[in-house]
Protein backbone atom coordinates (compact mmCIF):
# COMPACT_ATOMS: atom_id res chain seq x y z
CA UNK A 1 108.80 -5.39 -44.88
CA UNK A 2 112.25 -6.34 -43.10
CA UNK A 3 115.28 -4.18 -44.41
CA UNK A 4 118.61 -5.73 -43.76
CA UNK A 5 120.46 -3.68 -46.51
CA UNK A 6 120.69 0.18 -46.83
CA UNK A 7 122.82 1.38 -49.87
CA UNK A 8 123.80 5.24 -50.49
CA UNK A 9 124.94 7.00 -53.23
CA UNK A 10 127.56 9.69 -52.28
CA UNK A 11 127.48 12.77 -54.60
CA UNK A 12 124.21 14.40 -53.90
CA UNK A 13 123.01 11.94 -51.29
CA UNK A 14 125.46 11.80 -48.33
CA UNK A 15 127.09 14.73 -49.61
CA UNK A 16 125.87 18.59 -48.95
CA UNK A 17 126.78 20.56 -52.01
CA UNK A 18 129.66 22.20 -50.19
CA UNK A 19 131.05 18.24 -50.34
CA UNK A 20 130.77 17.70 -46.28
CA UNK A 21 129.08 15.21 -44.06
CA UNK A 22 126.87 16.87 -41.90
CA UNK A 23 126.41 15.75 -38.55
CA UNK A 24 122.74 14.17 -38.60
CA UNK A 25 124.10 12.51 -41.99
CA UNK A 26 126.14 10.53 -39.86
CA UNK A 27 124.20 9.88 -36.43
CA UNK A 28 121.74 8.59 -38.82
CA UNK A 29 124.10 6.02 -40.55
CA UNK A 30 125.74 5.21 -36.93
CA UNK A 31 121.78 4.49 -36.14
CA UNK A 32 121.16 2.27 -39.05
CA UNK A 33 124.24 -0.05 -38.11
CA UNK A 34 123.46 0.00 -34.41
CA UNK A 35 119.85 -1.64 -35.80
CA UNK A 36 121.99 -4.54 -37.09
CA UNK A 37 121.80 -2.93 -40.68
CA UNK A 38 124.60 -3.74 -43.57
CA UNK A 39 125.21 -0.15 -44.70
CA UNK A 40 127.25 0.14 -48.03
CA UNK A 41 127.93 2.99 -50.75
CA UNK A 42 126.94 2.75 -54.17
CA UNK A 43 128.67 5.15 -56.17
CA UNK A 44 130.83 5.61 -59.58
CA UNK A 45 133.44 7.41 -57.53
CA UNK A 46 136.95 5.39 -57.13
CA UNK A 47 137.32 3.13 -54.35
CA UNK A 48 140.37 5.26 -52.58
CA UNK A 49 137.72 8.02 -52.83
CA UNK A 50 134.62 5.97 -51.48
CA UNK A 51 137.03 4.48 -48.89
CA UNK A 52 137.49 8.23 -47.18
CA UNK A 53 133.57 9.04 -46.63
CA UNK A 54 133.28 5.39 -45.28
CA UNK A 55 135.80 6.05 -42.82
CA UNK A 56 134.27 9.51 -42.34
CA UNK A 57 130.98 7.46 -41.67
CA UNK A 58 132.88 4.42 -39.35
CA UNK A 59 132.01 2.01 -42.03
CA UNK A 60 134.35 -1.24 -42.66
CA UNK A 61 131.46 -2.11 -44.96
CA UNK A 62 132.26 -3.38 -48.45
CA UNK A 63 131.45 -0.45 -51.27
CA UNK A 64 130.25 -1.10 -54.36
CA UNK A 65 132.97 1.69 -56.31
CA UNK A 66 133.57 2.51 -59.98
CA UNK A 67 130.06 2.48 -60.91
CA UNK A 68 129.96 -1.37 -59.60
CA UNK A 69 132.68 -3.00 -61.15
CA UNK A 70 135.03 -2.84 -58.25
CA UNK A 71 133.94 -4.19 -54.99
CA UNK A 72 135.77 -4.20 -51.86
CA UNK A 73 136.43 -3.34 -48.15
CA UNK A 74 140.26 -3.34 -48.53
CA UNK A 75 142.32 -2.19 -51.65
CA UNK A 76 143.92 -4.38 -53.64
CA UNK A 77 141.42 -7.40 -52.28
CA UNK A 78 138.01 -6.83 -54.16
CA UNK A 79 135.54 -9.62 -54.00
CA UNK A 80 134.71 -8.52 -57.44
CA UNK A 81 137.18 -6.57 -60.15
CA UNK A 82 135.57 -5.90 -63.66
CA UNK A 83 137.99 -4.35 -66.39
CA UNK A 84 138.11 -2.98 -69.70
CA UNK A 85 140.82 -4.72 -71.68
CA UNK A 86 144.22 -3.03 -72.02
CA UNK A 87 143.75 -3.03 -76.49
CA UNK A 88 140.02 -1.94 -75.96
CA UNK A 89 141.17 0.61 -73.35
CA UNK A 90 143.77 1.84 -75.92
CA UNK A 91 141.76 1.79 -79.03
CA UNK A 92 138.86 4.11 -77.41
CA UNK A 93 141.47 6.37 -76.19
CA UNK A 94 142.51 7.10 -79.86
CA UNK A 95 139.08 7.32 -80.91
CA UNK A 96 138.41 10.07 -77.97
CA UNK A 97 141.45 12.20 -78.52
CA UNK A 98 139.66 13.31 -81.95
CA UNK A 99 137.02 14.80 -80.08
CA UNK A 100 137.85 18.19 -77.51
CA UNK A 101 137.28 16.44 -74.31
CA UNK A 102 138.96 15.50 -71.34
CA UNK A 103 139.76 11.41 -70.54
CA UNK A 104 140.04 10.05 -67.62
CA UNK A 105 140.91 6.38 -66.85
CA UNK A 106 140.19 5.78 -63.67
CA UNK A 107 141.84 2.87 -62.05
CA UNK A 108 141.69 1.86 -58.06
CA UNK A 109 145.08 2.86 -57.50
CA UNK A 110 145.29 6.07 -60.07
CA UNK A 111 143.84 8.48 -62.61
CA UNK A 112 145.59 8.63 -65.58
CA UNK A 113 144.20 11.83 -67.74
CA UNK A 114 145.09 13.89 -70.85
CA UNK A 115 145.51 17.68 -69.91
CA UNK A 116 142.60 19.14 -71.64
CA UNK A 117 141.84 22.24 -72.94
CA UNK A 118 138.12 22.25 -72.75
CA UNK A 119 136.86 25.12 -71.30
CA UNK A 120 133.50 24.17 -69.45
CA UNK A 121 133.77 25.34 -66.17
CA UNK A 122 131.90 22.20 -64.79
CA UNK A 123 133.60 20.16 -66.39
CA UNK A 124 137.22 21.72 -64.75
CA UNK A 125 135.38 21.82 -61.63
CA UNK A 126 134.29 17.95 -61.54
CA UNK A 127 137.64 16.58 -62.91
CA UNK A 128 140.00 18.71 -60.38
CA UNK A 129 137.70 18.52 -57.33
CA UNK A 130 136.61 14.98 -57.92
CA UNK A 131 137.45 14.28 -53.87
CA UNK A 132 140.03 11.72 -54.42
CA UNK A 133 142.63 11.33 -51.00
CA UNK A 134 145.87 12.93 -51.69
CA UNK A 135 147.17 9.19 -51.69
CA UNK A 136 145.37 8.51 -55.04
CA UNK A 137 147.52 9.59 -57.67
CA UNK A 138 146.33 11.63 -60.46
CA UNK A 139 148.81 12.06 -63.36
CA UNK A 140 147.98 14.68 -66.19
CA UNK A 141 149.72 13.85 -69.59
CA UNK A 142 149.81 15.59 -72.84
CA UNK A 143 148.59 12.31 -75.23
CA UNK A 144 146.87 9.52 -73.46
CA UNK A 145 147.53 7.11 -75.90
CA UNK A 146 151.33 7.38 -76.29
CA UNK A 147 151.22 6.71 -72.11
CA UNK A 148 149.35 3.64 -72.74
CA UNK A 149 151.54 2.47 -75.37
CA UNK A 150 154.43 2.62 -72.89
CA UNK A 151 152.03 1.77 -69.47
CA UNK A 152 148.75 -0.10 -70.48
CA UNK A 153 145.99 -0.03 -68.47
CA UNK A 154 142.65 -1.66 -67.49
CA UNK A 155 140.56 0.36 -65.81
CA UNK A 156 137.29 -0.15 -64.25
CA UNK A 157 135.94 2.57 -65.50
CA UNK A 158 136.71 5.21 -67.62
CA UNK A 159 135.55 9.16 -67.64
CA UNK A 160 134.73 11.49 -70.51
CA UNK A 161 134.15 15.71 -69.87
CA UNK A 162 133.08 16.90 -73.40
CA UNK A 163 133.05 20.36 -74.51
CA UNK A 164 130.04 20.47 -77.12
CA UNK A 165 127.14 17.92 -76.39
CA UNK A 166 127.18 17.21 -80.23
CA UNK A 167 130.34 15.46 -79.32
CA UNK A 168 129.17 13.12 -76.88
CA UNK A 169 126.43 12.43 -79.13
CA UNK A 170 128.71 11.75 -82.20
CA UNK A 171 131.80 9.54 -80.08
CA UNK A 172 129.19 7.70 -78.26
CA UNK A 173 127.41 6.47 -81.61
CA UNK A 174 131.17 5.76 -82.79
CA UNK A 175 131.63 3.68 -79.56
CA UNK A 176 128.33 1.74 -79.65
CA UNK A 177 129.08 0.39 -83.19
CA UNK A 178 132.72 0.10 -82.64
CA UNK A 179 133.17 -1.46 -78.98
CA UNK A 180 130.90 -4.17 -78.35
CA UNK A 181 133.36 -4.98 -74.85
CA UNK A 182 132.44 -1.95 -72.93
CA UNK A 183 128.62 -0.21 -71.57
CA UNK A 184 127.95 4.14 -71.95
CA UNK A 185 126.62 5.59 -69.27
CA UNK A 186 125.38 9.29 -70.12
CA UNK A 187 125.41 11.59 -67.10
CA UNK A 188 124.57 14.77 -68.83
CA UNK A 189 124.66 16.47 -72.05
CA UNK A 190 128.43 16.58 -71.23
CA UNK A 191 129.48 13.78 -69.08
CA UNK A 192 130.07 9.91 -70.49
CA UNK A 193 131.22 7.22 -68.47
CA UNK A 194 132.71 3.92 -69.78
CA UNK A 195 132.64 0.85 -68.21
CA UNK A 196 132.91 -2.96 -68.75
CA UNK A 197 130.17 -4.73 -70.43
CA UNK A 198 127.21 -5.44 -68.04
CA UNK A 199 129.01 -3.32 -65.57
CA UNK A 200 126.08 -1.07 -63.63
CA UNK A 201 125.64 0.32 -59.92
CA UNK A 202 122.45 -2.35 -59.80
CA UNK A 203 124.27 -5.13 -60.67
CA UNK A 204 127.22 -4.35 -58.24
CA UNK A 205 124.99 -4.19 -55.55
CA UNK A 206 122.84 -7.37 -56.34
CA UNK A 207 126.19 -8.92 -56.33
CA UNK A 208 127.44 -7.70 -53.32
CA UNK A 209 123.82 -9.00 -51.81
CA UNK A 210 124.27 -12.43 -53.18
CA UNK A 211 127.31 -12.62 -50.69
CA UNK A 212 126.15 -11.43 -48.07
CA UNK A 213 122.87 -13.39 -48.35
CA UNK A 214 120.51 -10.23 -48.42
CA UNK A 215 117.81 -10.29 -51.19
CA UNK A 216 116.84 -7.15 -53.64
CA UNK A 217 113.57 -6.95 -51.52
CA UNK A 218 115.59 -6.49 -48.26
CA UNK A 219 117.57 -3.61 -49.50
CA UNK A 220 116.73 -0.10 -49.26
CA UNK A 221 118.66 2.29 -51.83
CA UNK A 222 118.98 5.86 -51.62
CA UNK A 223 120.14 8.09 -54.54
CA UNK A 224 119.46 11.54 -56.45
CA UNK A 225 121.30 10.73 -60.05
CA UNK A 226 120.37 9.44 -63.13
CA UNK A 227 122.50 6.55 -62.88
CA UNK A 228 120.60 5.42 -59.38
CA UNK A 229 117.17 4.85 -61.54
CA UNK A 230 117.70 0.97 -61.55
CA UNK A 231 118.76 0.92 -58.07
CA UNK A 232 115.78 2.75 -56.97
CA UNK A 233 113.55 0.51 -59.26
CA UNK A 234 114.25 -3.13 -58.63
CA UNK A 235 115.19 -2.69 -54.50
CA UNK A 236 112.92 -2.97 -51.55
CA UNK A 237 112.71 0.57 -51.10
CA UNK A 238 114.04 3.17 -53.57
CA UNK A 239 114.55 6.78 -52.32
CA UNK A 240 115.18 9.42 -54.19
CA UNK A 241 116.73 13.20 -52.65
CA UNK A 242 115.00 16.07 -52.97
CA UNK A 243 117.50 17.82 -55.06
CA UNK A 244 117.06 14.52 -57.55
CA UNK A 245 116.01 14.98 -61.29
CA UNK A 246 112.34 14.65 -61.96
CA UNK A 247 112.61 11.03 -63.79
CA UNK A 248 114.38 9.90 -60.75
CA UNK A 249 111.68 10.98 -58.28
CA UNK A 250 109.34 9.32 -60.28
CA UNK A 251 111.32 6.04 -60.42
CA UNK A 252 111.41 6.51 -56.59
CA UNK A 253 108.93 4.55 -53.79
CA UNK A 254 109.40 7.77 -51.74
CA UNK A 255 111.14 11.16 -51.89
CA UNK A 256 112.86 12.41 -49.40
CA UNK A 257 114.62 15.95 -48.40
CA UNK A 258 117.47 17.61 -50.32
CA UNK A 259 121.17 16.90 -49.25
CA UNK A 260 121.34 20.13 -48.12
CA UNK A 261 118.09 19.74 -45.74
CA UNK A 262 119.64 16.16 -44.56
CA UNK A 263 117.39 13.76 -46.67
CA UNK A 264 119.55 11.10 -45.61
CA UNK A 265 118.94 11.35 -41.45
CA UNK A 266 115.21 12.48 -42.67
CA UNK A 267 114.51 9.37 -44.29
CA UNK A 268 116.46 7.42 -41.23
CA UNK A 269 113.89 9.07 -39.02
CA UNK A 270 110.74 8.13 -40.54
CA UNK A 271 111.20 4.38 -41.59
CA UNK A 272 114.22 2.78 -39.93
CA UNK A 273 112.89 3.81 -36.32
CA UNK A 274 109.79 1.73 -36.95
CA UNK A 275 111.86 -1.68 -37.49
CA UNK A 276 113.79 -3.47 -34.78
CA UNK A 277 117.26 -4.50 -34.79
CA UNK A 278 118.12 -7.71 -36.62
CA UNK A 279 119.33 -9.62 -33.49
CA UNK A 280 116.01 -9.34 -31.90
CA UNK A 281 113.97 -10.07 -35.13
CA UNK A 282 116.09 -13.40 -35.51
CA UNK A 283 115.84 -13.94 -31.78
CA UNK A 284 112.10 -13.95 -32.12
CA UNK A 285 112.19 -16.16 -34.75
CA UNK A 286 110.93 -13.66 -37.13
CA UNK A 287 113.68 -13.59 -39.58
CA UNK A 288 116.46 -16.40 -40.07
């Protein structure tokens, strides 16, 4: 099979556990690009955060961000932007304020969160070191619903960090019965993402593929998270990182090394070195 697109998750895939890009990973991405393969990022991060990583990789491609809700190569000029309506955003926030949790509205131009007393250390680390650039406005307020009354928001995504897993389960059940306009993505026992109905990393990637004229069979996806499973199962080649959970590895066609062992670079060397450049394949009339 000839592959024409490489989609990469960011956290746990491209980035090492220290949050940095290894030199070999940058070299691997450039190697693939030189072969004429379209390289994109598919991530739950905000667009500005993903764009920062793309810049470090010298990518100017369209990025699938906010878990597939916002696809663009330039801020403010998306080819797709799906949003949670402002009235639904407000009602969800009102409901969640009854639980011990941090609620984060993740807009492409800013993030807005309540000042939480949640004590979970992992949560705090996740929220406050999310990798967003300095120019990306991050505001924390005492009562999020009061702020939204004065300044409504239609975010592509919301993130919720709970202190107790029982609260997450109760909130999830309540929202599933009350809000048909959104989908809920459980990342772990304490983390829940909320996106517009029908939004997913897979659907975002397939939409990008349609715009580029690239079929899912011509795509390679490398990921490590539970929310990457659909992509790994439904593209031409799904690759799980060595640090991925067991269920992610089981869904993949191939398992590479971990993010701290330069798994992306290893996969590229093993697979893409065998494929001729896209331009050469066109000249030989092997592909159109």
